[in-house]
Amino acid sequence: MAFSDNFFKRVEQKTNVNKETILDLAKKLQEGNLKDEGTLREVIGELSKMTGREVSEENKKKIIDAVVNDNIPKDIDKMI
């Protein structure tokens, strides 16, 4: 899936996370096992640090369940 520069600009405006950081994280995700709870917790933790937003244990569980069960939106561009 290719994202436009406009997408990255909108993400950066909302999160203060630059395109290079996003792409580095995406590479890590591609190399990791997204069905593994430990990997997902690590990624959530990194995103939390990058954005300066704390993620509650309840929300972590919801995110992990959604990813493991393939309940994530197919058009992420519209979410941003």
N, C-alpha and C. Protein backbone atom coordinates (compact mmCIF):
# COMPACT_ATOMS: atom_id res chain seq x y z
N MET A 1 0.85 -1.18 0.00
CA MET A 1 0.00 0.00 0.00
C MET A 1 0.89 1.23 0.00
N ALA A 2 0.69 2.10 -0.95
CA ALA A 2 1.48 3.32 -1.05
C ALA A 2 0.69 4.49 -0.46
N PHE A 3 1.38 5.27 0.35
CA PHE A 3 0.76 6.44 0.95
C PHE A 3 1.32 7.69 0.29
N SER A 4 0.47 8.68 0.13
CA SER A 4 0.89 9.93 -0.49
C SER A 4 1.64 10.80 0.52
N ASP A 5 2.39 11.76 -0.01
CA ASP A 5 3.07 12.71 0.87
C ASP A 5 2.06 13.49 1.70
N ASN A 6 0.87 13.72 1.13
CA ASN A 6 -0.18 14.42 1.85
C ASN A 6 -0.58 13.63 3.11
N PHE A 7 -0.65 12.32 2.99
CA PHE A 7 -0.96 11.47 4.13
C PHE A 7 0.07 11.67 5.24
N PHE A 8 1.36 11.61 4.87
CA PHE A 8 2.42 11.77 5.86
C PHE A 8 2.39 13.16 6.49
N LYS A 9 2.08 14.18 5.70
CA LYS A 9 1.99 15.54 6.24
C LYS A 9 0.87 15.64 7.26
N ARG A 10 -0.28 15.02 6.98
CA ARG A 10 -1.40 15.05 7.93
C ARG A 10 -1.06 14.31 9.21
N VAL A 11 -0.39 13.17 9.08
CA VAL A 11 0.02 12.42 10.27
C VAL A 11 1.01 13.24 11.08
N GLU A 12 1.97 13.84 10.42
CA GLU A 12 2.97 14.63 11.14
C GLU A 12 2.34 15.82 11.85
N GLN A 13 1.37 16.47 11.22
CA GLN A 13 0.69 17.60 11.85
C GLN A 13 -0.05 17.17 13.11
N LYS A 14 -0.65 16.00 13.07
CA LYS A 14 -1.43 15.54 14.22
C LYS A 14 -0.58 14.92 15.31
N THR A 15 0.57 14.34 14.94
CA THR A 15 1.33 13.57 15.92
C THR A 15 2.74 14.09 16.18
N ASN A 16 3.24 14.97 15.33
CA ASN A 16 4.62 15.45 15.40
C ASN A 16 5.62 14.32 15.16
N VAL A 17 5.21 13.29 14.45
CA VAL A 17 6.09 12.18 14.08
C VAL A 17 6.37 12.32 12.59
N ASN A 18 7.65 12.40 12.23
CA ASN A 18 7.99 12.65 10.83
C ASN A 18 7.93 11.39 9.97
N LYS A 19 7.98 11.61 8.67
CA LYS A 19 7.84 10.54 7.68
C LYS A 19 8.91 9.46 7.87
N GLU A 20 10.14 9.85 8.12
CA GLU A 20 11.22 8.89 8.27
C GLU A 20 10.98 7.96 9.46
N THR A 21 10.51 8.52 10.55
CA THR A 21 10.21 7.72 11.74
C THR A 21 9.08 6.74 11.45
N ILE A 22 8.08 7.21 10.73
CA ILE A 22 6.95 6.35 10.36
C ILE A 22 7.43 5.20 9.48
N LEU A 23 8.28 5.53 8.49
CA LEU A 23 8.78 4.49 7.59
C LEU A 23 9.68 3.49 8.32
N ASP A 24 10.47 3.97 9.28
CA ASP A 24 11.30 3.06 10.08
C ASP A 24 10.43 2.11 10.88
N LEU A 25 9.36 2.63 11.46
CA LEU A 25 8.45 1.79 12.22
C LEU A 25 7.74 0.80 11.31
N ALA A 26 7.36 1.25 10.12
CA ALA A 26 6.70 0.36 9.16
C ALA A 26 7.61 -0.80 8.77
N LYS A 27 8.89 -0.51 8.61
CA LYS A 27 9.85 -1.57 8.29
C LYS A 27 9.92 -2.58 9.42
N LYS A 28 9.94 -2.08 10.62
CA LYS A 28 9.97 -2.97 11.79
C LYS A 28 8.72 -3.84 11.82
N LEU A 29 7.58 -3.26 11.50
CA LEU A 29 6.33 -4.01 11.48
C LEU A 29 6.36 -5.09 10.41
N GLN A 30 6.92 -4.78 9.26
CA GLN A 30 6.99 -5.75 8.17
C GLN A 30 7.87 -6.93 8.55
N GLU A 31 8.90 -6.66 9.32
CA GLU A 31 9.83 -7.72 9.71
C GLU A 31 9.36 -8.50 10.93
N GLY A 32 8.38 -7.96 11.64
CA GLY A 32 7.89 -8.60 12.87
C GLY A 32 6.65 -9.43 12.64
N ASN A 33 6.24 -10.12 13.67
CA ASN A 33 5.04 -10.95 13.62
C ASN A 33 3.90 -10.16 14.25
N LEU A 34 2.98 -9.68 13.42
CA LEU A 34 1.89 -8.86 13.91
C LEU A 34 0.80 -9.66 14.62
N LYS A 35 0.93 -10.95 14.65
CA LYS A 35 -0.03 -11.76 15.40
C LYS A 35 0.51 -12.09 16.78
N ASP A 36 1.72 -11.59 17.07
CA ASP A 36 2.37 -11.83 18.35
C ASP A 36 2.09 -10.67 19.31
N GLU A 37 1.50 -10.98 20.44
CA GLU A 37 1.13 -9.94 21.39
C GLU A 37 2.34 -9.14 21.87
N GLY A 38 3.46 -9.80 22.08
CA GLY A 38 4.67 -9.10 22.54
C GLY A 38 5.15 -8.07 21.53
N THR A 39 5.14 -8.45 20.26
CA THR A 39 5.54 -7.52 19.20
C THR A 39 4.60 -6.33 19.16
N LEU A 40 3.31 -6.60 19.24
CA LEU A 40 2.33 -5.52 19.20
C LEU A 40 2.47 -4.59 20.40
N ARG A 41 2.70 -5.14 21.57
CA ARG A 41 2.89 -4.30 22.77
C ARG A 41 4.12 -3.40 22.60
N GLU A 42 5.17 -3.95 22.02
CA GLU A 42 6.39 -3.17 21.79
C GLU A 42 6.11 -2.02 20.82
N VAL A 43 5.40 -2.29 19.75
CA VAL A 43 5.07 -1.26 18.76
C VAL A 43 4.17 -0.20 19.38
N ILE A 44 3.18 -0.61 20.14
CA ILE A 44 2.29 0.35 20.80
C ILE A 44 3.09 1.23 21.75
N GLY A 45 4.02 0.63 22.48
CA GLY A 45 4.87 1.40 23.38
C GLY A 45 5.71 2.43 22.65
N GLU A 46 6.29 2.03 21.51
CA GLU A 46 7.09 2.96 20.72
C GLU A 46 6.23 4.10 20.18
N LEU A 47 5.05 3.76 19.69
CA LEU A 47 4.15 4.81 19.19
C LEU A 47 3.74 5.76 20.32
N SER A 48 3.50 5.21 21.48
CA SER A 48 3.13 6.02 22.63
C SER A 48 4.23 7.03 22.96
N LYS A 49 5.47 6.54 22.96
CA LYS A 49 6.61 7.43 23.25
C LYS A 49 6.76 8.49 22.17
N MET A 50 6.63 8.08 20.90
CA MET A 50 6.80 9.02 19.79
C MET A 50 5.78 10.15 19.83
N THR A 51 4.56 9.81 20.17
CA THR A 51 3.49 10.79 20.13
C THR A 51 3.28 11.51 21.46
N GLY A 52 3.89 11.00 22.51
CA GLY A 52 3.72 11.61 23.83
C GLY A 52 2.35 11.35 24.42
N ARG A 53 1.70 10.30 23.94
CA ARG A 53 0.37 9.95 24.43
C ARG A 53 0.41 8.58 25.09
N GLU A 54 -0.06 8.54 26.31
CA GLU A 54 -0.08 7.28 27.04
C GLU A 54 -1.27 6.43 26.57
N VAL A 55 -1.04 5.14 26.46
CA VAL A 55 -2.09 4.22 26.06
C VAL A 55 -2.43 3.34 27.26
N SER A 56 -3.68 3.37 27.66
CA SER A 56 -4.10 2.57 28.81
C SER A 56 -4.01 1.09 28.49
N GLU A 57 -3.94 0.28 29.51
CA GLU A 57 -3.89 -1.17 29.33
C GLU A 57 -5.13 -1.67 28.60
N GLU A 58 -6.27 -1.07 28.91
CA GLU A 58 -7.52 -1.45 28.25
C GLU A 58 -7.45 -1.16 26.75
N ASN A 59 -6.93 0.00 26.38
CA ASN A 59 -6.81 0.34 24.97
C ASN A 59 -5.77 -0.51 24.26
N LYS A 60 -4.68 -0.84 24.96
CA LYS A 60 -3.69 -1.74 24.37
C LYS A 60 -4.35 -3.07 24.02
N LYS A 61 -5.14 -3.58 24.94
CA LYS A 61 -5.82 -4.86 24.72
C LYS A 61 -6.76 -4.78 23.52
N LYS A 62 -7.49 -3.68 23.40
CA LYS A 62 -8.40 -3.49 22.27
C LYS A 62 -7.63 -3.45 20.95
N ILE A 63 -6.52 -2.73 20.93
CA ILE A 63 -5.71 -2.62 19.73
C ILE A 63 -5.15 -3.99 19.34
N ILE A 64 -4.61 -4.68 20.31
CA ILE A 64 -4.02 -6.01 20.05
C ILE A 64 -5.09 -6.96 19.53
N ASP A 65 -6.25 -6.98 20.18
CA ASP A 65 -7.34 -7.85 19.73
C ASP A 65 -7.76 -7.52 18.31
N ALA A 66 -7.86 -6.23 17.98
CA ALA A 66 -8.27 -5.82 16.64
C ALA A 66 -7.25 -6.27 15.59
N VAL A 67 -5.98 -6.11 15.88
CA VAL A 67 -4.94 -6.49 14.92
C VAL A 67 -4.89 -8.02 14.76
N VAL A 68 -4.88 -8.73 15.87
CA VAL A 68 -4.79 -10.19 15.82
C VAL A 68 -5.99 -10.79 15.10
N ASN A 69 -7.15 -10.19 15.29
CA ASN A 69 -8.38 -10.72 14.69
C ASN A 69 -8.72 -10.07 13.34
N ASP A 70 -7.78 -9.31 12.78
CA ASP A 70 -7.97 -8.64 11.49
C ASP A 70 -9.19 -7.73 11.46
N ASN A 71 -9.44 -7.02 12.54
CA ASN A 71 -10.56 -6.08 12.62
C ASN A 71 -10.08 -4.64 12.50
N ILE A 72 -9.15 -4.41 11.60
CA ILE A 72 -8.65 -3.05 11.40
C ILE A 72 -9.21 -2.50 10.10
N PRO A 73 -9.45 -1.19 10.03
CA PRO A 73 -10.00 -0.60 8.81
C PRO A 73 -9.05 -0.80 7.63
N LYS A 74 -9.60 -1.03 6.48
CA LYS A 74 -8.80 -1.24 5.28
C LYS A 74 -8.34 0.08 4.67
N ASP A 75 -9.03 1.18 4.94
CA ASP A 75 -8.68 2.47 4.37
C ASP A 75 -8.22 3.41 5.47
N ILE A 76 -7.00 3.23 5.92
CA ILE A 76 -6.46 4.02 7.01
C ILE A 76 -6.35 5.49 6.65
N ASP A 77 -6.12 5.79 5.38
CA ASP A 77 -5.97 7.18 4.92
C ASP A 77 -7.18 8.03 5.32
N LYS A 78 -8.37 7.46 5.32
CA LYS A 78 -9.57 8.22 5.68
C LYS A 78 -9.69 8.47 7.18
N MET A 79 -8.94 7.71 7.98
CA MET A 79 -8.99 7.87 9.44
C MET A 79 -8.21 9.09 9.90
N ILE A 80 -7.24 9.51 9.11
CA ILE A 80 -6.35 10.59 9.52
C ILE A 80 -6.90 11.92 9.08
